[in-house]
Amino acid sequence: MHAGTANEPTVHTTTMKRVRDADDEHAKSERAVHVAVDGGRLVVRASTIAGAGLGVFVGAGHAFARGDTLTRFDGALIDQRAAQRLRFAGADTYVRTLVHGHAYLDAAHVAALVREPQRRALDGVGVGGLANHAPRCAANAAYVRLWQRATASYVVVLRATRRLAAGDEVLAYYGRDYWW
């Protein structure tokens, strides 16, 4: 490691400053996101959980009862090999198991959509992959895998496990299917 002189910062200090600056810029960009989903029923914005990035919230003037479907977990259908590549690259933040060992959903494109500059609304796209994790005792939503006969395929939805009021952050216990 370069020790530096009295007037010159060390490489370590300079590198750490760059990392902090990048983190600050990322945090600012996350705070700037505020996207209404499906007519404002849900909103994607900065999470209340420190360091979590974006979160999904119940929109103003809306509420959900226990058992209500909040949104889908939309994502690109990928196989196990692709999911493993994402994991090894550290890019599996939005990957969820659909059929263990065979099929996975990657919702990274949804996260990219809500981060587009000037984006204020996003209708017809499920943002379930952006809900943050909470322990079972604190979760207010759950992922449910459903079989759809019409398309002969599975779909994952996010359902309320208790009443949700306007402004509540949607938190789901990820369980083993999320962390595959």
C-alpha atoms as a PDB file:
ATOM      1  CA  MET A   1       0.000   0.000   0.000  1.00  0.00           C
ATOM      2  CA  HIS A   2       1.235   3.479  -0.830  1.00  0.00           C
ATOM      3  CA  ALA A   3       1.972   5.369   2.375  1.00  0.00           C
ATOM      4  CA  GLY A   4       1.687   8.863   0.906  1.00  0.00           C
ATOM      5  CA  THR A   5       3.337  12.052   2.104  1.00  0.00           C
ATOM      6  CA  ALA A   6       2.037  14.700   4.451  1.00  0.00           C
ATOM      7  CA  ASN A   7       0.374  16.522   1.519  1.00  0.00           C
ATOM      8  CA  GLU A   8      -0.767  13.448  -0.345  1.00  0.00           C
ATOM      9  CA  PRO A   9      -3.519  11.112   0.896  1.00  0.00           C
ATOM     10  CA  THR A  10      -2.809   7.418   0.948  1.00  0.00           C
ATOM     11  CA  VAL A  11      -4.270   5.214  -1.769  1.00  0.00           C
ATOM     12  CA  HIS A  12      -6.484   3.617   0.865  1.00  0.00           C
ATOM     13  CA  THR A  13      -7.917   6.959   2.007  1.00  0.00           C
ATOM     14  CA  THR A  14      -8.484   8.108  -1.569  1.00  0.00           C
ATOM     15  CA  THR A  15     -10.150   4.824  -2.519  1.00  0.00           C
ATOM     16  CA  MET A  16     -12.405   4.909   0.552  1.00  0.00           C
ATOM     17  CA  LYS A  17     -13.427   8.495  -0.295  1.00  0.00           C
ATOM     18  CA  ARG A  18     -14.367   7.399  -3.838  1.00  0.00           C
ATOM     19  CA  VAL A  19     -16.433   4.539  -2.404  1.00  0.00           C
ATOM     20  CA  ARG A  20     -18.192   6.914   0.037  1.00  0.00           C
ATOM     21  CA  ASP A  21     -18.836   9.418  -2.760  1.00  0.00           C
ATOM     22  CA  ALA A  22     -20.288   6.674  -4.981  1.00  0.00           C
ATOM     23  CA  ASP A  23     -22.469   5.450  -2.096  1.00  0.00           C
ATOM     24  CA  ASP A  24     -23.670   9.019  -1.470  1.00  0.00           C
ATOM     25  CA  GLU A  25     -24.567   9.461  -5.154  1.00  0.00           C
ATOM     26  CA  HIS A  26     -26.407   6.116  -5.174  1.00  0.00           C
ATOM     27  CA  ALA A  27     -28.332   7.080  -2.020  1.00  0.00           C
ATOM     28  CA  LYS A  28     -29.286  10.447  -3.573  1.00  0.00           C
ATOM     29  CA  SER A  29     -30.532   8.744  -6.733  1.00  0.00           C
ATOM     30  CA  GLU A  30     -32.580   6.263  -4.680  1.00  0.00           C
ATOM     31  CA  ARG A  31     -34.164   9.123  -2.698  1.00  0.00           C
ATOM     32  CA  ALA A  32     -35.133  10.810  -5.963  1.00  0.00           C
ATOM     33  CA  VAL A  33     -37.165   7.788  -7.136  1.00  0.00           C
ATOM     34  CA  HIS A  34     -40.918   8.098  -6.586  1.00  0.00           C
ATOM     35  CA  VAL A  35     -42.916   6.020  -9.059  1.00  0.00           C
ATOM     36  CA  ALA A  36     -46.663   5.383  -8.853  1.00  0.00           C
ATOM     37  CA  VAL A  37     -47.599   1.827  -9.817  1.00  0.00           C
ATOM     38  CA  ASP A  38     -50.969   0.689 -11.190  1.00  0.00           C
ATOM     39  CA  GLY A  39     -52.717   4.017 -10.847  1.00  0.00           C
ATOM     40  CA  GLY A  40     -51.098   4.850  -7.513  1.00  0.00           C
ATOM     41  CA  ARG A  41     -52.214   1.726  -5.630  1.00  0.00           C
ATOM     42  CA  LEU A  42     -48.533   1.204  -4.859  1.00  0.00           C
ATOM     43  CA  VAL A  43     -45.529   3.524  -4.905  1.00  0.00           C
ATOM     44  CA  VAL A  44     -41.847   2.646  -5.335  1.00  0.00           C
ATOM     45  CA  ARG A  45     -39.505   4.970  -3.467  1.00  0.00           C
ATOM     46  CA  ALA A  46     -36.581   4.911  -1.036  1.00  0.00           C
ATOM     47  CA  SER A  47     -37.083   2.261   1.635  1.00  0.00           C
ATOM     48  CA  THR A  48     -37.425   3.078   5.311  1.00  0.00           C
ATOM     49  CA  ILE A  49     -34.847   0.340   5.937  1.00  0.00           C
ATOM     50  CA  ALA A  50     -31.343   1.789   6.102  1.00  0.00           C
ATOM     51  CA  GLY A  51     -29.201   0.598   3.201  1.00  0.00           C
ATOM     52  CA  ALA A  52     -32.046  -1.297   1.523  1.00  0.00           C
ATOM     53  CA  GLY A  53     -32.361   0.961  -1.529  1.00  0.00           C
ATOM     54  CA  LEU A  54     -35.861   1.044  -2.985  1.00  0.00           C
ATOM     55  CA  GLY A  55     -39.031  -0.206  -1.339  1.00  0.00           C
ATOM     56  CA  VAL A  56     -42.685  -0.757  -2.229  1.00  0.00           C
ATOM     57  CA  PHE A  57     -45.317   1.266  -0.362  1.00  0.00           C
ATOM     58  CA  VAL A  58     -49.108   1.444  -0.288  1.00  0.00           C
ATOM     59  CA  GLY A  59     -50.172   4.521  -2.264  1.00  0.00           C
ATOM     60  CA  ALA A  60     -52.007   7.517  -0.827  1.00  0.00           C
ATOM     61  CA  GLY A  61     -55.729   6.928  -0.487  1.00  0.00           C
ATOM     62  CA  HIS A  62     -55.358   3.153  -0.811  1.00  0.00           C
ATOM     63  CA  ALA A  63     -55.504   0.271   1.641  1.00  0.00           C
ATOM     64  CA  PHE A  64     -55.367  -3.505   1.375  1.00  0.00           C
ATOM     65  CA  ALA A  65     -57.090  -6.184   3.424  1.00  0.00           C
ATOM     66  CA  ARG A  66     -55.456  -9.398   4.534  1.00  0.00           C
ATOM     67  CA  GLY A  67     -55.343 -11.766   1.546  1.00  0.00           C
ATOM     68  CA  ASP A  68     -55.477  -9.039  -1.113  1.00  0.00           C
ATOM     69  CA  THR A  69     -53.072  -9.448  -4.022  1.00  0.00           C
ATOM     70  CA  LEU A  70     -50.766  -6.429  -4.050  1.00  0.00           C
ATOM     71  CA  THR A  71     -48.741  -7.053  -7.213  1.00  0.00           C
ATOM     72  CA  ARG A  72     -46.957  -9.708  -9.274  1.00  0.00           C
ATOM     73  CA  PHE A  73     -43.289 -10.597  -9.088  1.00  0.00           C
ATOM     74  CA  ASP A  74     -42.478  -9.836 -12.718  1.00  0.00           C
ATOM     75  CA  GLY A  75     -39.145 -10.977 -14.026  1.00  0.00           C
ATOM     76  CA  ALA A  76     -37.279 -12.552 -16.868  1.00  0.00           C
ATOM     77  CA  LEU A  77     -37.520 -16.345 -16.821  1.00  0.00           C
ATOM     78  CA  ILE A  78     -33.999 -17.756 -16.509  1.00  0.00           C
ATOM     79  CA  ASP A  79     -32.565 -21.234 -15.966  1.00  0.00           C
ATOM     80  CA  GLN A  80     -30.426 -22.445 -13.084  1.00  0.00           C
ATOM     81  CA  ARG A  81     -27.154 -21.848 -14.928  1.00  0.00           C
ATOM     82  CA  ALA A  82     -28.036 -18.192 -15.585  1.00  0.00           C
ATOM     83  CA  ALA A  83     -29.173 -17.762 -11.968  1.00  0.00           C
ATOM     84  CA  GLN A  84     -25.885 -19.202 -10.729  1.00  0.00           C
ATOM     85  CA  ARG A  85     -23.903 -16.864 -13.001  1.00  0.00           C
ATOM     86  CA  LEU A  86     -25.773 -13.895 -11.521  1.00  0.00           C
ATOM     87  CA  ARG A  87     -25.133 -15.166  -7.999  1.00  0.00           C
ATOM     88  CA  PHE A  88     -21.404 -15.643  -8.561  1.00  0.00           C
ATOM     89  CA  ALA A  89     -21.218 -12.155 -10.098  1.00  0.00           C
ATOM     90  CA  GLY A  90     -23.020 -10.710  -7.066  1.00  0.00           C
ATOM     91  CA  ALA A  91     -25.900  -9.572  -9.289  1.00  0.00           C
ATOM     92  CA  ASP A  92     -28.683 -11.812  -7.959  1.00  0.00           C
ATOM     93  CA  THR A  93     -30.453  -9.203  -5.812  1.00  0.00           C
ATOM     94  CA  TYR A  94     -33.741  -9.638  -7.682  1.00  0.00           C
ATOM     95  CA  VAL A  95     -33.625 -13.392  -8.418  1.00  0.00           C
ATOM     96  CA  ARG A  96     -36.290 -15.698  -6.981  1.00  0.00           C
ATOM     97  CA  THR A  97     -36.882 -19.425  -7.399  1.00  0.00           C
ATOM     98  CA  LEU A  98     -39.888 -20.321  -9.510  1.00  0.00           C
ATOM     99  CA  VAL A  99     -39.304 -24.095  -9.796  1.00  0.00           C
ATOM    100  CA  HIS A 100     -36.348 -25.161  -7.630  1.00  0.00           C
ATOM    101  CA  GLY A 101     -33.377 -26.306  -9.690  1.00  0.00           C
ATOM    102  CA  HIS A 102     -35.013 -25.425 -12.998  1.00  0.00           C
ATOM    103  CA  ALA A 103     -36.635 -22.011 -13.350  1.00  0.00           C
ATOM    104  CA  TYR A 104     -35.965 -18.638 -11.747  1.00  0.00           C
ATOM    105  CA  LEU A 105     -37.300 -15.102 -12.093  1.00  0.00           C
ATOM    106  CA  ASP A 106     -34.936 -12.137 -12.370  1.00  0.00           C
ATOM    107  CA  ALA A 107     -36.655  -8.808 -11.658  1.00  0.00           C
ATOM    108  CA  ALA A 108     -33.595  -6.623 -12.303  1.00  0.00           C
ATOM    109  CA  HIS A 109     -35.274  -5.044 -15.343  1.00  0.00           C
ATOM    110  CA  VAL A 110     -38.151  -3.835 -13.144  1.00  0.00           C
ATOM    111  CA  ALA A 111     -35.674  -2.097 -10.823  1.00  0.00           C
ATOM    112  CA  ALA A 112     -34.067  -0.486 -13.873  1.00  0.00           C
ATOM    113  CA  LEU A 113     -37.459   0.739 -15.124  1.00  0.00           C
ATOM    114  CA  VAL A 114     -38.342   2.527 -11.881  1.00  0.00           C
ATOM    115  CA  ARG A 115     -34.900   4.156 -11.782  1.00  0.00           C
ATOM    116  CA  GLU A 116     -35.287   5.727 -15.237  1.00  0.00           C
ATOM    117  CA  PRO A 117     -34.938   9.516 -14.961  1.00  0.00           C
ATOM    118  CA  GLN A 118     -38.246  11.356 -15.212  1.00  0.00           C
ATOM    119  CA  ARG A 119     -40.255   8.133 -14.634  1.00  0.00           C
ATOM    120  CA  ARG A 120     -43.327   8.953 -12.533  1.00  0.00           C
ATOM    121  CA  ALA A 121     -45.688   6.074 -13.306  1.00  0.00           C
ATOM    122  CA  LEU A 122     -45.425   2.408 -14.146  1.00  0.00           C
ATOM    123  CA  ASP A 123     -48.614   0.524 -14.933  1.00  0.00           C
ATOM    124  CA  GLY A 124     -49.020  -3.144 -15.801  1.00  0.00           C
ATOM    125  CA  VAL A 125     -45.649  -4.176 -14.399  1.00  0.00           C
ATOM    126  CA  GLY A 126     -45.429  -6.202 -11.187  1.00  0.00           C
ATOM    127  CA  VAL A 127     -43.046  -4.697  -8.653  1.00  0.00           C
ATOM    128  CA  GLY A 128     -43.117  -7.584  -6.155  1.00  0.00           C
ATOM    129  CA  GLY A 129     -39.399  -8.127  -6.662  1.00  0.00           C
ATOM    130  CA  LEU A 130     -38.715  -4.723  -5.115  1.00  0.00           C
ATOM    131  CA  ALA A 131     -40.387  -5.474  -1.762  1.00  0.00           C
ATOM    132  CA  ASN A 132     -37.839  -5.707   1.023  1.00  0.00           C
ATOM    133  CA  HIS A 133     -37.243  -8.594   3.393  1.00  0.00           C
ATOM    134  CA  ALA A 134     -38.502  -8.681   6.971  1.00  0.00           C
ATOM    135  CA  PRO A 135     -38.468 -11.471   9.559  1.00  0.00           C
ATOM    136  CA  ARG A 136     -41.683 -13.515   9.636  1.00  0.00           C
ATOM    137  CA  CYS A 137     -42.902 -11.657  12.714  1.00  0.00           C
ATOM    138  CA  ALA A 138     -42.552  -8.240  11.005  1.00  0.00           C
ATOM    139  CA  ALA A 139     -43.618  -9.167   7.464  1.00  0.00           C
ATOM    140  CA  ASN A 140     -46.933  -7.796   6.212  1.00  0.00           C
ATOM    141  CA  ALA A 141     -46.933  -9.632   2.865  1.00  0.00           C
ATOM    142  CA  ALA A 142     -46.015 -13.033   1.461  1.00  0.00           C
ATOM    143  CA  TYR A 143     -44.950 -14.395  -1.903  1.00  0.00           C
ATOM    144  CA  VAL A 144     -47.388 -16.963  -3.283  1.00  0.00           C
ATOM    145  CA  ARG A 145     -46.693 -19.157  -6.309  1.00  0.00           C
ATOM    146  CA  LEU A 146     -49.824 -19.867  -8.348  1.00  0.00           C
ATOM    147  CA  TRP A 147     -50.443 -22.159 -11.306  1.00  0.00           C
ATOM    148  CA  GLN A 148     -52.204 -20.518 -14.232  1.00  0.00           C
ATOM    149  CA  ARG A 149     -54.101 -22.974 -16.386  1.00  0.00           C
ATOM    150  CA  ALA A 150     -54.578 -20.541 -19.269  1.00  0.00           C
ATOM    151  CA  THR A 151     -50.835 -20.192 -19.812  1.00  0.00           C
ATOM    152  CA  ALA A 152     -49.778 -23.521 -18.255  1.00  0.00           C
ATOM    153  CA  SER A 153     -47.223 -21.688 -16.143  1.00  0.00           C
ATOM    154  CA  TYR A 154     -46.530 -20.429 -12.658  1.00  0.00           C
ATOM    155  CA  VAL A 155     -46.847 -16.831 -11.555  1.00  0.00           C
ATOM    156  CA  VAL A 156     -45.614 -15.370  -8.265  1.00  0.00           C
ATOM    157  CA  VAL A 157     -47.747 -12.741  -6.544  1.00  0.00           C
ATOM    158  CA  LEU A 158     -47.299 -10.707  -3.398  1.00  0.00           C
ATOM    159  CA  ARG A 159     -50.277 -10.893  -1.022  1.00  0.00           C
ATOM    160  CA  ALA A 160     -51.045  -8.910   2.107  1.00  0.00           C
ATOM    161  CA  THR A 161     -50.830 -11.015   5.285  1.00  0.00           C
ATOM    162  CA  ARG A 162     -52.445  -8.272   7.355  1.00  0.00           C
ATOM    163  CA  ARG A 163     -54.238  -4.985   6.751  1.00  0.00           C
ATOM    164  CA  LEU A 164     -52.063  -2.391   5.019  1.00  0.00           C
ATOM    165  CA  ALA A 165     -52.807   1.336   5.157  1.00  0.00           C
ATOM    166  CA  ALA A 166     -51.651   4.176   2.908  1.00  0.00           C
ATOM    167  CA  GLY A 167     -47.948   4.825   3.398  1.00  0.00           C
ATOM    168  CA  ASP A 168     -47.100   1.380   4.825  1.00  0.00           C
ATOM    169  CA  GLU A 169     -43.963  -0.198   3.395  1.00  0.00           C
ATOM    170  CA  VAL A 170     -44.646  -3.663   1.987  1.00  0.00           C
ATOM    171  CA  LEU A 171     -42.287  -6.140   3.670  1.00  0.00           C
ATOM    172  CA  ALA A 172     -42.123  -9.843   2.861  1.00  0.00           C
ATOM    173  CA  TYR A 173     -40.348 -12.733   4.508  1.00  0.00           C
ATOM    174  CA  TYR A 174     -38.234 -14.023   1.629  1.00  0.00           C
ATOM    175  CA  GLY A 175     -37.907 -17.612   2.850  1.00  0.00           C
ATOM    176  CA  ARG A 176     -35.781 -20.231   1.169  1.00  0.00           C
ATOM    177  CA  ASP A 177     -37.357 -19.779  -2.276  1.00  0.00           C
ATOM    178  CA  TYR A 178     -35.996 -16.283  -2.533  1.00  0.00           C
ATOM    179  CA  TRP A 179     -32.461 -17.087  -1.453  1.00  0.00           C
ATOM    180  CA  TRP A 180     -32.309 -20.382  -3.432  1.00  0.00           C
END
